[in-house]
Amino acid sequence: LATLGNEQPKNLLVVVWDNEQYLSIGGPPTHTAFGRVDLAAIARGAGVKDAYLVRTLDEFDAHCKAGLAAGKPYIVVAKVSGTVQPDIRRKRSDGREDKYIFVRHVEATEGITIMGPSEHN
């Protein structure tokens, strides 16, 4: 958020799906679940003037349209309920491993090198 506030990219719409739980498949409550933490307000405090909390589909549609046309960073924090799929099994990888899986996927599909080969000493 601080980087977005400082850099002010002209073509970035960020959507945060907030189900107030760790993991999209359900987990313990996040800080936003208790009603005192407002991610849009935090973004505004970091310098992203256009950051909004939405609770309805109409609000979401309106802010996404505005964000796509804004020409500056725009954040929509969309409150959603429940989990993606309540009976789904938890994944077996951690965030670090997920990062490498994602980077290698982008490298393979885009034909580019982001991180290069691993070096072993």
PDB file of N, CA and C in Angstrom:
ATOM      1  N   LEU A   1       0.823  -1.199   0.000  1.00  0.00           N
ATOM      2  CA  LEU A   1       0.000   0.000   0.000  1.00  0.00           C
ATOM      3  C   LEU A   1       0.862   1.257   0.000  1.00  0.00           C
ATOM      4  N   ALA A   2       1.935   1.222   0.773  1.00  0.00           N
ATOM      5  CA  ALA A   2       2.825   2.385   0.810  1.00  0.00           C
ATOM      6  C   ALA A   2       3.456   2.622  -0.555  1.00  0.00           C
ATOM      7  N   THR A   3       3.814   1.550  -1.250  1.00  0.00           N
ATOM      8  CA  THR A   3       4.390   1.689  -2.590  1.00  0.00           C
ATOM      9  C   THR A   3       3.368   2.289  -3.545  1.00  0.00           C
ATOM     10  N   LEU A   4       2.122   1.821  -3.490  1.00  0.00           N
ATOM     11  CA  LEU A   4       1.076   2.399  -4.345  1.00  0.00           C
ATOM     12  C   LEU A   4       0.878   3.881  -4.035  1.00  0.00           C
ATOM     13  N   GLY A   5       0.894   4.217  -2.757  1.00  0.00           N
ATOM     14  CA  GLY A   5       0.736   5.612  -2.364  1.00  0.00           C
ATOM     15  C   GLY A   5       1.872   6.476  -2.864  1.00  0.00           C
ATOM     16  N   ASN A   6       3.089   5.967  -2.809  1.00  0.00           N
ATOM     17  CA  ASN A   6       4.243   6.740  -3.277  1.00  0.00           C
ATOM     18  C   ASN A   6       4.344   6.790  -4.792  1.00  0.00           C
ATOM     19  N   GLU A   7       4.139   5.685  -5.442  1.00  0.00           N
ATOM     20  CA  GLU A   7       4.359   5.593  -6.889  1.00  0.00           C
ATOM     21  C   GLU A   7       3.178   6.083  -7.727  1.00  0.00           C
ATOM     22  N   GLN A   8       1.972   5.980  -7.212  1.00  0.00           N
ATOM     23  CA  GLN A   8       0.766   6.435  -7.909  1.00  0.00           C
ATOM     24  C   GLN A   8       0.673   5.898  -9.341  1.00  0.00           C
ATOM     25  N   PRO A   9       0.694   4.557  -9.519  1.00  0.00           N
ATOM     26  CA  PRO A   9       0.596   4.018 -10.878  1.00  0.00           C
ATOM     27  C   PRO A   9      -0.718   4.440 -11.532  1.00  0.00           C
ATOM     28  N   LYS A  10      -0.655   4.713 -12.821  1.00  0.00           N
ATOM     29  CA  LYS A  10      -1.806   5.284 -13.518  1.00  0.00           C
ATOM     30  C   LYS A  10      -2.807   4.258 -14.013  1.00  0.00           C
ATOM     31  N   ASN A  11      -2.514   2.981 -13.908  1.00  0.00           N
ATOM     32  CA  ASN A  11      -3.411   1.979 -14.502  1.00  0.00           C
ATOM     33  C   ASN A  11      -3.635   0.788 -13.580  1.00  0.00           C
ATOM     34  N   LEU A  12      -3.871   1.038 -12.315  1.00  0.00           N
ATOM     35  CA  LEU A  12      -3.981  -0.074 -11.377  1.00  0.00           C
ATOM     36  C   LEU A  12      -5.275  -0.011 -10.573  1.00  0.00           C
ATOM     37  N   LEU A  13      -6.099  -1.025 -10.764  1.00  0.00           N
ATOM     38  CA  LEU A  13      -7.302  -1.235  -9.954  1.00  0.00           C
ATOM     39  C   LEU A  13      -7.043  -2.486  -9.130  1.00  0.00           C
ATOM     40  N   VAL A  14      -7.105  -2.360  -7.823  1.00  0.00           N
ATOM     41  CA  VAL A  14      -6.895  -3.485  -6.912  1.00  0.00           C
ATOM     42  C   VAL A  14      -8.231  -3.829  -6.270  1.00  0.00           C
ATOM     43  N   VAL A  15      -8.610  -5.111  -6.330  1.00  0.00           N
ATOM     44  CA  VAL A  15      -9.805  -5.578  -5.639  1.00  0.00           C
ATOM     45  C   VAL A  15      -9.356  -6.528  -4.535  1.00  0.00           C
ATOM     46  N   VAL A  16      -9.766  -6.241  -3.318  1.00  0.00           N
ATOM     47  CA  VAL A  16      -9.495  -7.097  -2.163  1.00  0.00           C
ATOM     48  C   VAL A  16     -10.802  -7.783  -1.807  1.00  0.00           C
ATOM     49  N   TRP A  17     -10.820  -9.105  -1.883  1.00  0.00           N
ATOM     50  CA  TRP A  17     -12.003  -9.879  -1.483  1.00  0.00           C
ATOM     51  C   TRP A  17     -11.850 -10.190  -0.003  1.00  0.00           C
ATOM     52  N   ASP A  18     -12.645  -9.580   0.842  1.00  0.00           N
ATOM     53  CA  ASP A  18     -12.508  -9.745   2.289  1.00  0.00           C
ATOM     54  C   ASP A  18     -13.640 -10.595   2.848  1.00  0.00           C
ATOM     55  N   ASN A  19     -13.349 -11.886   3.077  1.00  0.00           N
ATOM     56  CA  ASN A  19     -14.337 -12.760   3.711  1.00  0.00           C
ATOM     57  C   ASN A  19     -14.135 -12.823   5.224  1.00  0.00           C
ATOM     58  N   GLU A  20     -13.224 -11.981   5.717  1.00  0.00           N
ATOM     59  CA  GLU A  20     -12.943 -11.850   7.150  1.00  0.00           C
ATOM     60  C   GLU A  20     -12.406 -13.138   7.766  1.00  0.00           C
ATOM     61  N   GLN A  21     -11.797 -13.980   6.956  1.00  0.00           N
ATOM     62  CA  GLN A  21     -11.205 -15.235   7.419  1.00  0.00           C
ATOM     63  C   GLN A  21      -9.842 -15.411   6.762  1.00  0.00           C
ATOM     64  N   TYR A  22      -8.944 -16.048   7.475  1.00  0.00           N
ATOM     65  CA  TYR A  22      -7.702 -16.443   6.838  1.00  0.00           C
ATOM     66  C   TYR A  22      -8.021 -17.575   5.866  1.00  0.00           C
ATOM     67  N   LEU A  23      -7.507 -17.483   4.685  1.00  0.00           N
ATOM     68  CA  LEU A  23      -7.699 -18.451   3.610  1.00  0.00           C
ATOM     69  C   LEU A  23      -9.084 -18.311   2.999  1.00  0.00           C
ATOM     70  N   SER A  24      -9.152 -18.477   1.702  1.00  0.00           N
ATOM     71  CA  SER A  24     -10.440 -18.387   1.015  1.00  0.00           C
ATOM     72  C   SER A  24     -11.325 -19.580   1.326  1.00  0.00           C
ATOM     73  N   ILE A  25     -10.716 -20.645   1.850  1.00  0.00           N
ATOM     74  CA  ILE A  25     -11.493 -21.841   2.159  1.00  0.00           C
ATOM     75  C   ILE A  25     -11.973 -21.857   3.604  1.00  0.00           C
ATOM     76  N   GLY A  26     -11.726 -20.775   4.301  1.00  0.00           N
ATOM     77  CA  GLY A  26     -12.190 -20.678   5.687  1.00  0.00           C
ATOM     78  C   GLY A  26     -11.066 -20.952   6.664  1.00  0.00           C
ATOM     79  N   GLY A  27     -11.047 -20.210   7.680  1.00  0.00           N
ATOM     80  CA  GLY A  27     -10.031 -20.341   8.712  1.00  0.00           C
ATOM     81  C   GLY A  27     -10.401 -19.423   9.850  1.00  0.00           C
ATOM     82  N   PRO A  28      -9.465 -19.158  10.746  1.00  0.00           N
ATOM     83  CA  PRO A  28      -9.776 -18.264  11.861  1.00  0.00           C
ATOM     84  C   PRO A  28     -10.076 -16.857  11.356  1.00  0.00           C
ATOM     85  N   PRO A  29     -10.775 -16.061  12.148  1.00  0.00           N
ATOM     86  CA  PRO A  29     -11.125 -14.705  11.724  1.00  0.00           C
ATOM     87  C   PRO A  29      -9.895 -13.809  11.580  1.00  0.00           C
ATOM     88  N   THR A  30      -9.956 -12.905  10.609  1.00  0.00           N
ATOM     89  CA  THR A  30      -8.902 -11.899  10.454  1.00  0.00           C
ATOM     90  C   THR A  30      -9.250 -10.677  11.291  1.00  0.00           C
ATOM     91  N   HIS A  31      -8.386  -9.708  11.313  1.00  0.00           N
ATOM     92  CA  HIS A  31      -8.643  -8.485  12.078  1.00  0.00           C
ATOM     93  C   HIS A  31      -9.849  -7.717  11.553  1.00  0.00           C
ATOM     94  N   THR A  32     -10.159  -7.874  10.271  1.00  0.00           N
ATOM     95  CA  THR A  32     -11.312  -7.151   9.718  1.00  0.00           C
ATOM     96  C   THR A  32     -12.636  -7.725  10.200  1.00  0.00           C
ATOM     97  N   ALA A  33     -12.627  -8.909  10.759  1.00  0.00           N
ATOM     98  CA  ALA A  33     -13.865  -9.555  11.215  1.00  0.00           C
ATOM     99  C   ALA A  33     -14.454  -8.893  12.456  1.00  0.00           C
ATOM    100  N   PHE A  34     -13.682  -8.097  13.158  1.00  0.00           N
ATOM    101  CA  PHE A  34     -14.135  -7.551  14.430  1.00  0.00           C
ATOM    102  C   PHE A  34     -14.684  -6.128  14.307  1.00  0.00           C
ATOM    103  N   GLY A  35     -14.725  -5.599  13.062  1.00  0.00           N
ATOM    104  CA  GLY A  35     -15.380  -4.318  12.831  1.00  0.00           C
ATOM    105  C   GLY A  35     -14.568  -3.074  13.105  1.00  0.00           C
ATOM    106  N   ARG A  36     -13.324  -3.212  13.556  1.00  0.00           N
ATOM    107  CA  ARG A  36     -12.534  -2.021  13.856  1.00  0.00           C
ATOM    108  C   ARG A  36     -11.465  -1.744  12.804  1.00  0.00           C
ATOM    109  N   VAL A  37     -11.060  -2.746  12.034  1.00  0.00           N
ATOM    110  CA  VAL A  37     -10.003  -2.583  11.042  1.00  0.00           C
ATOM    111  C   VAL A  37     -10.642  -2.379   9.671  1.00  0.00           C
ATOM    112  N   ASP A  38     -10.305  -1.280   9.035  1.00  0.00           N
ATOM    113  CA  ASP A  38     -10.861  -0.901   7.739  1.00  0.00           C
ATOM    114  C   ASP A  38      -9.712  -0.829   6.738  1.00  0.00           C
ATOM    115  N   LEU A  39      -9.615  -1.819   5.847  1.00  0.00           N
ATOM    116  CA  LEU A  39      -8.516  -1.879   4.891  1.00  0.00           C
ATOM    117  C   LEU A  39      -8.524  -0.700   3.924  1.00  0.00           C
ATOM    118  N   ALA A  40      -9.688  -0.221   3.545  1.00  0.00           N
ATOM    119  CA  ALA A  40      -9.756   0.940   2.655  1.00  0.00           C
ATOM    120  C   ALA A  40      -9.206   2.187   3.353  1.00  0.00           C
ATOM    121  N   ALA A  41      -9.514   2.362   4.622  1.00  0.00           N
ATOM    122  CA  ALA A  41      -8.984   3.499   5.378  1.00  0.00           C
ATOM    123  C   ALA A  41      -7.468   3.393   5.518  1.00  0.00           C
ATOM    124  N   ILE A  42      -6.966   2.185   5.706  1.00  0.00           N
ATOM    125  CA  ILE A  42      -5.516   1.983   5.781  1.00  0.00           C
ATOM    126  C   ILE A  42      -4.871   2.373   4.454  1.00  0.00           C
ATOM    127  N   ALA A  43      -5.497   1.980   3.337  1.00  0.00           N
ATOM    128  CA  ALA A  43      -4.973   2.345   2.015  1.00  0.00           C
ATOM    129  C   ALA A  43      -4.967   3.863   1.834  1.00  0.00           C
ATOM    130  N   ARG A  44      -6.042   4.521   2.248  1.00  0.00           N
ATOM    131  CA  ARG A  44      -6.082   5.984   2.146  1.00  0.00           C
ATOM    132  C   ARG A  44      -4.984   6.608   2.994  1.00  0.00           C
ATOM    133  N   GLY A  45      -4.755   6.048   4.167  1.00  0.00           N
ATOM    134  CA  GLY A  45      -3.684   6.545   5.034  1.00  0.00           C
ATOM    135  C   GLY A  45      -2.296   6.346   4.431  1.00  0.00           C
ATOM    136  N   ALA A  46      -2.182   5.380   3.524  1.00  0.00           N
ATOM    137  CA  ALA A  46      -0.904   5.121   2.854  1.00  0.00           C
ATOM    138  C   ALA A  46      -0.750   5.956   1.580  1.00  0.00           C
ATOM    139  N   GLY A  47      -1.755   6.771   1.262  1.00  0.00           N
ATOM    140  CA  GLY A  47      -1.632   7.658   0.120  1.00  0.00           C
ATOM    141  C   GLY A  47      -2.435   7.278  -1.105  1.00  0.00           C
ATOM    142  N   VAL A  48      -3.268   6.233  -1.008  1.00  0.00           N
ATOM    143  CA  VAL A  48      -4.144   5.881  -2.123  1.00  0.00           C
ATOM    144  C   VAL A  48      -5.491   6.550  -1.839  1.00  0.00           C
ATOM    145  N   LYS A  49      -5.686   7.724  -2.445  1.00  0.00           N
ATOM    146  CA  LYS A  49      -6.867   8.542  -2.150  1.00  0.00           C
ATOM    147  C   LYS A  49      -8.166   7.809  -2.446  1.00  0.00           C
ATOM    148  N   ASP A  50      -8.201   7.081  -3.562  1.00  0.00           N
ATOM    149  CA  ASP A  50      -9.418   6.386  -3.962  1.00  0.00           C
ATOM    150  C   ASP A  50      -9.381   4.938  -3.498  1.00  0.00           C
ATOM    151  N   ALA A  51      -9.819   4.717  -2.285  1.00  0.00           N
ATOM    152  CA  ALA A  51      -9.902   3.376  -1.693  1.00  0.00           C
ATOM    153  C   ALA A  51     -11.247   3.287  -0.988  1.00  0.00           C
ATOM    154  N   TYR A  52     -12.016   2.263  -1.344  1.00  0.00           N
ATOM    155  CA  TYR A  52     -13.413   2.194  -0.891  1.00  0.00           C
ATOM    156  C   TYR A  52     -13.771   0.805  -0.384  1.00  0.00           C
ATOM    157  N   LEU A  53     -14.586   0.779   0.654  1.00  0.00           N
ATOM    158  CA  LEU A  53     -15.158  -0.454   1.189  1.00  0.00           C
ATOM    159  C   LEU A  53     -16.557  -0.596   0.603  1.00  0.00           C
ATOM    160  N   VAL A  54     -16.845  -1.743  -0.005  1.00  0.00           N
ATOM    161  CA  VAL A  54     -18.176  -1.960  -0.587  1.00  0.00           C
ATOM    162  C   VAL A  54     -18.804  -3.213   0.015  1.00  0.00           C
ATOM    163  N   ARG A  55     -20.111  -3.173   0.134  1.00  0.00           N
ATOM    164  CA  ARG A  55     -20.846  -4.305   0.704  1.00  0.00           C
ATOM    165  C   ARG A  55     -21.925  -4.844  -0.220  1.00  0.00           C
ATOM    166  N   THR A  56     -22.221  -4.133  -1.310  1.00  0.00           N
ATOM    167  CA  THR A  56     -23.278  -4.586  -2.228  1.00  0.00           C
ATOM    168  C   THR A  56     -22.718  -4.730  -3.643  1.00  0.00           C
ATOM    169  N   LEU A  57     -23.412  -5.499  -4.443  1.00  0.00           N
ATOM    170  CA  LEU A  57     -23.005  -5.693  -5.830  1.00  0.00           C
ATOM    171  C   LEU A  57     -23.093  -4.387  -6.612  1.00  0.00           C
ATOM    172  N   ASP A  58     -24.108  -3.574  -6.339  1.00  0.00           N
ATOM    173  CA  ASP A  58     -24.231  -2.285  -7.020  1.00  0.00           C
ATOM    174  C   ASP A  58     -23.042  -1.374  -6.699  1.00  0.00           C
ATOM    175  N   GLU A  59     -22.653  -1.316  -5.419  1.00  0.00           N
ATOM    176  CA  GLU A  59     -21.481  -0.522  -5.034  1.00  0.00           C
ATOM    177  C   GLU A  59     -20.222  -1.062  -5.721  1.00  0.00           C
ATOM    178  N   PHE A  60     -20.084  -2.389  -5.737  1.00  0.00           N
ATOM    179  CA  PHE A  60     -18.924  -3.014  -6.364  1.00  0.00           C
ATOM    180  C   PHE A  60     -18.849  -2.648  -7.848  1.00  0.00           C
ATOM    181  N   ASP A  61     -19.950  -2.810  -8.558  1.00  0.00           N
ATOM    182  CA  ASP A  61     -19.988  -2.474  -9.986  1.00  0.00           C
ATOM    183  C   ASP A  61     -19.604  -1.014 -10.221  1.00  0.00           C
ATOM    184  N   ALA A  62     -20.182  -0.127  -9.452  1.00  0.00           N
ATOM    185  CA  ALA A  62     -19.921   1.306  -9.633  1.00  0.00           C
ATOM    186  C   ALA A  62     -18.454   1.635  -9.389  1.00  0.00           C
ATOM    187  N   HIS A  63     -17.891   1.080  -8.331  1.00  0.00           N
ATOM    188  CA  HIS A  63     -16.491   1.394  -8.026  1.00  0.00           C
ATOM    189  C   HIS A  63     -15.526   0.723  -8.998  1.00  0.00           C
ATOM    190  N   CYS A  64     -15.839  -0.449  -9.483  1.00  0.00           N
ATOM    191  CA  CYS A  64     -14.971  -1.076 -10.491  1.00  0.00           C
ATOM    192  C   CYS A  64     -14.975  -0.254 -11.773  1.00  0.00           C
ATOM    193  N   LYS A  65     -16.127   0.218 -12.198  1.00  0.00           N
ATOM    194  CA  LYS A  65     -16.197   1.080 -13.392  1.00  0.00           C
ATOM    195  C   LYS A  65     -15.397   2.360 -13.163  1.00  0.00           C
ATOM    196  N   ALA A  66     -15.574   2.974 -12.009  1.00  0.00           N
ATOM    197  CA  ALA A  66     -14.835   4.199 -11.700  1.00  0.00           C
ATOM    198  C   ALA A  66     -13.331   3.926 -11.631  1.00  0.00           C
ATOM    199  N   GLY A  67     -12.961   2.808 -11.030  1.00  0.00           N
ATOM    200  CA  GLY A  67     -11.548   2.469 -10.903  1.00  0.00           C
ATOM    201  C   GLY A  67     -10.881   2.205 -12.231  1.00  0.00           C
ATOM    202  N   LEU A  68     -11.587   1.551 -13.151  1.00  0.00           N
ATOM    203  CA  LEU A  68     -11.028   1.274 -14.471  1.00  0.00           C
ATOM    204  C   LEU A  68     -10.836   2.554 -15.288  1.00  0.00           C
ATOM    205  N   ALA A  69     -11.628   3.559 -14.994  1.00  0.00           N
ATOM    206  CA  ALA A  69     -11.531   4.826 -15.717  1.00  0.00           C
ATOM    207  C   ALA A  69     -10.695   5.875 -14.992  1.00  0.00           C
ATOM    208  N   ALA A  70     -10.243   5.602 -13.792  1.00  0.00           N
ATOM    209  CA  ALA A  70      -9.646   6.617 -12.930  1.00  0.00           C
ATOM    210  C   ALA A  70      -8.297   7.147 -13.409  1.00  0.00           C
ATOM    211  N   GLY A  71      -7.468   6.307 -14.007  1.00  0.00           N
ATOM    212  CA  GLY A  71      -6.148   6.765 -14.403  1.00  0.00           C
ATOM    213  C   GLY A  71      -5.208   6.993 -13.234  1.00  0.00           C
ATOM    214  N   LYS A  72      -5.514   6.379 -12.115  1.00  0.00           N
ATOM    215  CA  LYS A  72      -4.673   6.467 -10.911  1.00  0.00           C
ATOM    216  C   LYS A  72      -4.979   5.244 -10.060  1.00  0.00           C
ATOM    217  N   PRO A  73      -4.193   4.974  -9.033  1.00  0.00           N
ATOM    218  CA  PRO A  73      -4.480   3.788  -8.221  1.00  0.00           C
ATOM    219  C   PRO A  73      -5.855   3.881  -7.574  1.00  0.00           C
ATOM    220  N   TYR A  74      -6.548   2.752  -7.558  1.00  0.00           N
ATOM    221  CA  TYR A  74      -7.924   2.701  -7.064  1.00  0.00           C
ATOM    222  C   TYR A  74      -8.088   1.345  -6.391  1.00  0.00           C
ATOM    223  N   ILE A  75      -8.563   1.345  -5.169  1.00  0.00           N
ATOM    224  CA  ILE A  75      -8.707   0.102  -4.409  1.00  0.00           C
ATOM    225  C   ILE A  75     -10.162  -0.082  -4.007  1.00  0.00           C
ATOM    226  N   VAL A  76     -10.657  -1.294  -4.241  1.00  0.00           N
ATOM    227  CA  VAL A  76     -12.010  -1.665  -3.828  1.00  0.00           C
ATOM    228  C   VAL A  76     -11.871  -2.839  -2.858  1.00  0.00           C
ATOM    229  N   VAL A  77     -12.297  -2.645  -1.627  1.00  0.00           N
ATOM    230  CA  VAL A  77     -12.321  -3.720  -0.638  1.00  0.00           C
ATOM    231  C   VAL A  77     -13.751  -4.233  -0.603  1.00  0.00           C
ATOM    232  N   ALA A  78     -13.944  -5.422  -1.140  1.00  0.00           N
ATOM    233  CA  ALA A  78     -15.285  -5.997  -1.267  1.00  0.00           C
ATOM    234  C   ALA A  78     -15.526  -6.998  -0.147  1.00  0.00           C
ATOM    235  N   LYS A  79     -16.470  -6.690   0.703  1.00  0.00           N
ATOM    236  CA  LYS A  79     -16.855  -7.620   1.759  1.00  0.00           C
ATOM    237  C   LYS A  79     -17.663  -8.755   1.135  1.00  0.00           C
ATOM    238  N   VAL A  80     -17.236  -9.966   1.367  1.00  0.00           N
ATOM    239  CA  VAL A  80     -17.947 -11.146   0.865  1.00  0.00           C
ATOM    240  C   VAL A  80     -18.192 -12.079   2.043  1.00  0.00           C
ATOM    241  N   SER A  81     -19.213 -12.895   1.940  1.00  0.00           N
ATOM    242  CA  SER A  81     -19.532 -13.789   3.049  1.00  0.00           C
ATOM    243  C   SER A  81     -19.176 -15.218   2.700  1.00  0.00           C
ATOM    244  N   GLY A  82     -18.866 -15.964   3.710  1.00  0.00           N
ATOM    245  CA  GLY A  82     -18.637 -17.389   3.543  1.00  0.00           C
ATOM    246  C   GLY A  82     -17.298 -17.729   2.931  1.00  0.00           C
ATOM    247  N   THR A  83     -17.214 -18.959   2.512  1.00  0.00           N
ATOM    248  CA  THR A  83     -15.995 -19.471   1.915  1.00  0.00           C
ATOM    249  C   THR A  83     -16.274 -19.857   0.469  1.00  0.00           C
ATOM    250  N   VAL A  84     -15.225 -20.017  -0.293  1.00  0.00           N
ATOM    251  CA  VAL A  84     -15.373 -20.376  -1.696  1.00  0.00           C
ATOM    252  C   VAL A  84     -16.077 -21.715  -1.831  1.00  0.00           C
ATOM    253  N   GLN A  85     -15.628 -22.672  -1.046  1.00  0.00           N
ATOM    254  CA  GLN A  85     -16.202 -24.018  -1.093  1.00  0.00           C
ATOM    255  C   GLN A  85     -16.007 -24.626   0.294  1.00  0.00           C
ATOM    256  N   PRO A  86     -17.034 -24.681   1.100  1.00  0.00           N
ATOM    257  CA  PRO A  86     -16.879 -25.058   2.507  1.00  0.00           C
ATOM    258  C   PRO A  86     -16.195 -26.405   2.752  1.00  0.00           C
ATOM    259  N   ASP A  87     -16.338 -27.379   1.869  1.00  0.00           N
ATOM    260  CA  ASP A  87     -15.787 -28.699   2.147  1.00  0.00           C
ATOM    261  C   ASP A  87     -14.452 -28.961   1.448  1.00  0.00           C
ATOM    262  N   ILE A  88     -13.810 -27.925   0.920  1.00  0.00           N
ATOM    263  CA  ILE A  88     -12.548 -28.108   0.207  1.00  0.00           C
ATOM    264  C   ILE A  88     -11.407 -28.413   1.186  1.00  0.00           C
ATOM    265  N   ARG A  89     -10.481 -29.262   0.760  1.00  0.00           N
ATOM    266  CA  ARG A  89      -9.330 -29.587   1.611  1.00  0.00           C
ATOM    267  C   ARG A  89      -8.332 -28.441   1.597  1.00  0.00           C
ATOM    268  N   ARG A  90      -7.648 -28.285   2.685  1.00  0.00           N
ATOM    269  CA  ARG A  90      -6.607 -27.257   2.755  1.00  0.00           C
ATOM    270  C   ARG A  90      -5.446 -27.642   1.847  1.00  0.00           C
ATOM    271  N   LYS A  91      -4.786 -26.629   1.303  1.00  0.00           N
ATOM    272  CA  LYS A  91      -3.663 -26.884   0.414  1.00  0.00           C
ATOM    273  C   LYS A  91      -2.453 -27.379   1.190  1.00  0.00           C
ATOM    274  N   ARG A  92      -1.535 -27.995   0.478  1.00  0.00           N
ATOM    275  CA  ARG A  92      -0.380 -28.586   1.136  1.00  0.00           C
ATOM    276  C   ARG A  92       0.868 -27.723   1.033  1.00  0.00           C
ATOM    277  N   SER A  93       0.819 -26.646   0.258  1.00  0.00           N
ATOM    278  CA  SER A  93       1.984 -25.780   0.109  1.00  0.00           C
ATOM    279  C   SER A  93       1.845 -24.555   1.010  1.00  0.00           C
ATOM    280  N   ASP A  94       2.982 -23.903   1.263  1.00  0.00           N
ATOM    281  CA  ASP A  94       2.948 -22.678   2.060  1.00  0.00           C
ATOM    282  C   ASP A  94       3.150 -21.476   1.128  1.00  0.00           C
ATOM    283  N   GLY A  95       3.087 -20.289   1.685  1.00  0.00           N
ATOM    284  CA  GLY A  95       3.198 -19.077   0.880  1.00  0.00           C
ATOM    285  C   GLY A  95       4.501 -18.977   0.107  1.00  0.00           C
ATOM    286  N   ARG A  96       5.592 -19.392   0.709  1.00  0.00           N
ATOM    287  CA  ARG A  96       6.887 -19.337   0.029  1.00  0.00           C
ATOM    288  C   ARG A  96       6.880 -20.244  -1.201  1.00  0.00           C
ATOM    289  N   GLU A  97       6.403 -21.453  -1.034  1.00  0.00           N
ATOM    290  CA  GLU A  97       6.333 -22.384  -2.155  1.00  0.00           C
ATOM    291  C   GLU A  97       5.365 -21.877  -3.225  1.00  0.00           C
ATOM    292  N   ASP A  98       4.248 -21.298  -2.798  1.00  0.00           N
ATOM    293  CA  ASP A  98       3.278 -20.751  -3.745  1.00  0.00           C
ATOM    294  C   ASP A  98       3.910 -19.665  -4.615  1.00  0.00           C
ATOM    295  N   LYS A  99       4.773 -18.839  -4.004  1.00  0.00           N
ATOM    296  CA  LYS A  99       5.441 -17.779  -4.760  1.00  0.00           C
ATOM    297  C   LYS A  99       6.246 -18.380  -5.899  1.00  0.00           C
ATOM    298  N   TYR A 100       7.017 -19.413  -5.617  1.00  0.00           N
ATOM    299  CA  TYR A 100       7.844 -20.025  -6.656  1.00  0.00           C
ATOM    300  C   TYR A 100       6.993 -20.731  -7.712  1.00  0.00           C
ATOM    301  N   ILE A 101       5.929 -21.375  -7.305  1.00  0.00           N
ATOM    302  CA  ILE A 101       5.029 -22.017  -8.271  1.00  0.00           C
ATOM    303  C   ILE A 101       4.461 -20.959  -9.214  1.00  0.00           C
ATOM    304  N   PHE A 102       4.026 -19.838  -8.667  1.00  0.00           N
ATOM    305  CA  PHE A 102       3.453 -18.770  -9.475  1.00  0.00           C
ATOM    306  C   PHE A 102       4.488 -18.179 -10.431  1.00  0.00           C
ATOM    307  N   VAL A 103       5.669 -17.855  -9.911  1.00  0.00           N
ATOM    308  CA  VAL A 103       6.714 -17.263 -10.755  1.00  0.00           C
ATOM    309  C   VAL A 103       7.101 -18.202 -11.882  1.00  0.00           C
ATOM    310  N   ARG A 104       7.284 -19.478 -11.587  1.00  0.00           N
ATOM    311  CA  ARG A 104       7.656 -20.441 -12.631  1.00  0.00           C
ATOM    312  C   ARG A 104       6.539 -20.577 -13.671  1.00  0.00           C
ATOM    313  N   HIS A 105       5.286 -20.501 -13.243  1.00  0.00           N
ATOM    314  CA  HIS A 105       4.160 -20.553 -14.176  1.00  0.00           C
ATOM    315  C   HIS A 105       4.195 -19.347 -15.120  1.00  0.00           C
ATOM    316  N   VAL A 106       4.402 -18.156 -14.565  1.00  0.00           N
ATOM    317  CA  VAL A 106       4.464 -16.954 -15.396  1.00  0.00           C
ATOM    318  C   VAL A 106       5.645 -17.046 -16.362  1.00  0.00           C
ATOM    319  N   GLU A 107       6.792 -17.493 -15.875  1.00  0.00           N
ATOM    320  CA  GLU A 107       7.957 -17.643 -16.759  1.00  0.00           C
ATOM    321  C   GLU A 107       7.641 -18.578 -17.931  1.00  0.00           C
ATOM    322  N   ALA A 108       7.006 -19.706 -17.631  1.00  0.00           N
ATOM    323  CA  ALA A 108       6.716 -20.699 -18.672  1.00  0.00           C
ATOM    324  C   ALA A 108       5.660 -20.196 -19.660  1.00  0.00           C
ATOM    325  N   THR A 109       4.610 -19.569 -19.155  1.00  0.00           N
ATOM    326  CA  THR A 109       3.533 -19.157 -20.054  1.00  0.00           C
ATOM    327  C   THR A 109       3.876 -17.897 -20.839  1.00  0.00           C
ATOM    328  N   GLU A 110       4.706 -17.023 -20.285  1.00  0.00           N
ATOM    329  CA  GLU A 110       5.045 -15.768 -20.954  1.00  0.00           C
ATOM    330  C   GLU A 110       6.381 -15.828 -21.686  1.00  0.00           C
ATOM    331  N   GLY A 111       7.148 -16.916 -21.493  1.00  0.00           N
ATOM    332  CA  GLY A 111       8.442 -17.043 -22.153  1.00  0.00           C
ATOM    333  C   GLY A 111       9.459 -16.025 -21.679  1.00  0.00           C
ATOM    334  N   ILE A 112       9.408 -15.703 -20.391  1.00  0.00           N
ATOM    335  CA  ILE A 112      10.334 -14.724 -19.815  1.00  0.00           C
ATOM    336  C   ILE A 112      11.044 -15.324 -18.612  1.00  0.00           C
ATOM    337  N   THR A 113      12.106 -14.673 -18.181  1.00  0.00           N
ATOM    338  CA  THR A 113      12.807 -15.079 -16.960  1.00  0.00           C
ATOM    339  C   THR A 113      12.598 -14.000 -15.909  1.00  0.00           C
ATOM    340  N   ILE A 114      12.085 -14.405 -14.786  1.00  0.00           N
ATOM    341  CA  ILE A 114      11.874 -13.474 -13.678  1.00  0.00           C
ATOM    342  C   ILE A 114      12.944 -13.688 -12.619  1.00  0.00           C
ATOM    343  N   MET A 115      13.157 -14.938 -12.231  1.00  0.00           N
ATOM    344  CA  MET A 115      14.098 -15.228 -11.153  1.00  0.00           C
ATOM    345  C   MET A 115      15.347 -15.970 -11.624  1.00  0.00           C
ATOM    346  N   GLY A 116      15.303 -16.589 -12.758  1.00  0.00           N
ATOM    347  CA  GLY A 116      16.439 -17.362 -13.225  1.00  0.00           C
ATOM    348  C   GLY A 116      16.566 -18.663 -12.467  1.00  0.00           C
ATOM    349  N   PRO A 117      17.556 -19.476 -12.850  1.00  0.00           N
ATOM    350  CA  PRO A 117      17.719 -20.788 -12.212  1.00  0.00           C
ATOM    351  C   PRO A 117      18.192 -20.662 -10.765  1.00  0.00           C
ATOM    352  N   SER A 118      17.860 -21.654  -9.972  1.00  0.00           N
ATOM    353  CA  SER A 118      18.342 -21.700  -8.599  1.00  0.00           C
ATOM    354  C   SER A 118      19.814 -22.023  -8.607  1.00  0.00           C
ATOM    355  N   GLU A 119      20.541 -21.413  -7.682  1.00  0.00           N
ATOM    356  CA  GLU A 119      21.973 -21.695  -7.567  1.00  0.00           C
ATOM    357  C   GLU A 119      22.188 -22.521  -6.305  1.00  0.00           C
ATOM    358  N   HIS A 120      22.961 -23.584  -6.438  1.00  0.00           N
ATOM    359  CA  HIS A 120      23.290 -24.434  -5.301  1.00  0.00           C
ATOM    360  C   HIS A 120      24.771 -24.290  -5.005  1.00  0.00           C
ATOM    361  N   ASN A 121      25.106 -24.041  -3.774  1.00  0.00           N
ATOM    362  CA  ASN A 121      26.518 -23.925  -3.366  1.00  0.00           C
ATOM    363  C   ASN A 121      26.969 -25.210  -2.738  1.00  0.00           C
TER     364      ASN A 121
END
